[in-house]
């Protein structure tokens, strides 16, 4: 399925996704191992149940499947939020370090 801009239409009233909200929702989502009823018992998959996913994010047109474009996009926005959680404090620490005056040379050295 394509995700190119010419094929997309914005959803009216929707803006940028809050990555921190998506991350919190994702973190609260139950993830389990499972298999389809027609698969052999030795097989297993990992992920949330589609009904839980749909209830949490409201994406897609059904609560019986998780569209890969939605799963990938939630992962991307959550990774962006995690990145900001790491880099924002690092930038703040660097700014604070820059404000500390340099210590005078130690005359004992």
Protein backbone atom coordinates (compact mmCIF):
# COMPACT_ATOMS: atom_id res chain seq x y z
CA UNK A 1 0.00 0.00 0.00
CA UNK A 2 1.34 3.43 -0.91
CA UNK A 3 1.86 6.25 1.56
CA UNK A 4 2.88 8.90 -0.96
CA UNK A 5 1.44 12.38 -0.42
CA UNK A 6 -0.60 12.41 -3.68
CA UNK A 7 -2.57 9.39 -2.44
CA UNK A 8 -3.20 10.75 1.06
CA UNK A 9 -6.01 12.98 2.23
CA UNK A 10 -5.78 14.82 5.56
CA UNK A 11 -8.39 14.01 8.17
CA UNK A 12 -10.36 17.16 8.94
CA UNK A 13 -9.77 18.46 12.45
CA UNK A 14 -6.75 16.24 13.01
CA UNK A 15 -3.32 17.70 13.59
CA UNK A 16 0.05 16.30 14.46
CA UNK A 17 0.02 13.24 16.66
CA UNK A 18 1.23 13.69 20.23
CA UNK A 19 4.06 11.17 20.42
CA UNK A 20 4.10 11.17 24.22
CA UNK A 21 0.40 10.25 24.33
CA UNK A 22 0.96 7.51 21.75
CA UNK A 23 3.94 6.23 23.76
CA UNK A 24 1.90 6.08 26.99
CA UNK A 25 -0.95 4.32 25.20
CA UNK A 26 1.46 1.88 23.59
CA UNK A 27 3.20 1.18 26.90
CA UNK A 28 -0.15 0.32 28.51
CA UNK A 29 -1.18 -2.05 25.71
CA UNK A 30 -1.12 -5.74 26.57
CA UNK A 31 1.22 -7.69 24.30
CA UNK A 32 1.05 -11.46 24.28
CA UNK A 33 2.02 -14.49 22.26
CA UNK A 34 -0.70 -16.20 20.28
CA UNK A 35 -1.39 -18.25 17.16
CA UNK A 36 -4.17 -18.30 14.62
CA UNK A 37 -6.71 -21.04 15.20
CA UNK A 38 -5.74 -22.77 11.94
CA UNK A 39 -2.02 -22.79 12.60
CA UNK A 40 -0.07 -25.69 14.10
CA UNK A 41 0.53 -25.47 17.86
CA UNK A 42 4.29 -25.02 17.35
CA UNK A 43 3.78 -21.62 15.67
CA UNK A 44 3.38 -18.40 17.60
CA UNK A 45 3.12 -14.70 16.98
CA UNK A 46 3.70 -11.72 19.26
CA UNK A 47 1.56 -8.63 19.53
CA UNK A 48 -1.54 -7.00 20.90
CA UNK A 49 -5.02 -8.22 20.13
CA UNK A 50 -6.66 -6.24 17.33
CA UNK A 51 -9.62 -5.31 19.52
CA UNK A 52 -7.31 -3.84 22.17
CA UNK A 53 -5.33 -1.98 19.51
CA UNK A 54 -8.46 -0.51 17.97
CA UNK A 55 -9.83 0.51 21.37
CA UNK A 56 -6.51 2.17 22.26
CA UNK A 57 -5.80 4.02 19.02
CA UNK A 58 -9.03 4.04 17.00
CA UNK A 59 -7.13 3.45 13.78
CA UNK A 60 -8.25 1.43 10.78
CA UNK A 61 -11.71 0.39 9.72
CA UNK A 62 -12.16 -2.70 11.88
CA UNK A 63 -11.27 -4.11 15.26
CA UNK A 64 -10.34 -7.48 13.84
CA UNK A 65 -7.00 -6.58 12.24
CA UNK A 66 -4.10 -4.21 12.78
CA UNK A 67 -3.04 -2.46 9.60
CA UNK A 68 0.75 -2.50 9.23
CA UNK A 69 0.81 1.15 8.17
CA UNK A 70 -0.82 2.07 11.51
CA UNK A 71 1.39 -0.23 13.58
CA UNK A 72 4.53 1.10 11.90
CA UNK A 73 3.39 4.71 12.32
CA UNK A 74 2.64 4.27 16.02
CA UNK A 75 6.11 2.72 16.41
CA UNK A 76 7.69 5.70 14.60
CA UNK A 77 5.90 8.35 16.66
CA UNK A 78 6.72 6.46 19.89
CA UNK A 79 10.40 6.27 18.88
CA UNK A 80 10.34 10.02 18.21
CA UNK A 81 8.91 10.61 21.71
CA UNK A 82 11.58 8.39 23.27
CA UNK A 83 14.23 10.29 21.33
CA UNK A 84 12.94 13.59 22.74
CA UNK A 85 12.89 12.10 26.25
CA UNK A 86 16.61 11.38 25.89
CA UNK A 87 17.84 14.39 23.93
CA UNK A 88 15.85 17.16 25.66
CA UNK A 89 17.49 16.51 29.08
CA UNK A 90 20.89 16.14 27.39
CA UNK A 91 20.48 19.56 25.81
CA UNK A 92 19.36 21.06 29.12
CA UNK A 93 22.41 19.61 30.90
CA UNK A 94 24.70 21.01 28.19
CA UNK A 95 23.12 24.45 28.58
CA UNK A 96 23.54 24.31 32.37
CA UNK A 97 27.18 23.26 32.02
CA UNK A 98 27.77 26.21 29.71
CA UNK A 99 26.48 28.55 32.44
CA UNK A 100 28.93 27.28 35.07
CA UNK A 101 31.94 29.58 35.27
CA UNK A 102 35.28 27.98 34.65
CA UNK A 103 37.11 27.09 37.84
CA UNK A 104 40.28 29.10 38.48
CA UNK A 105 43.52 27.19 38.00
CA UNK A 106 44.63 25.22 41.05
CA UNK A 107 47.79 26.90 42.38
CA UNK A 108 48.92 23.63 43.98
CA UNK A 109 49.44 22.08 40.57
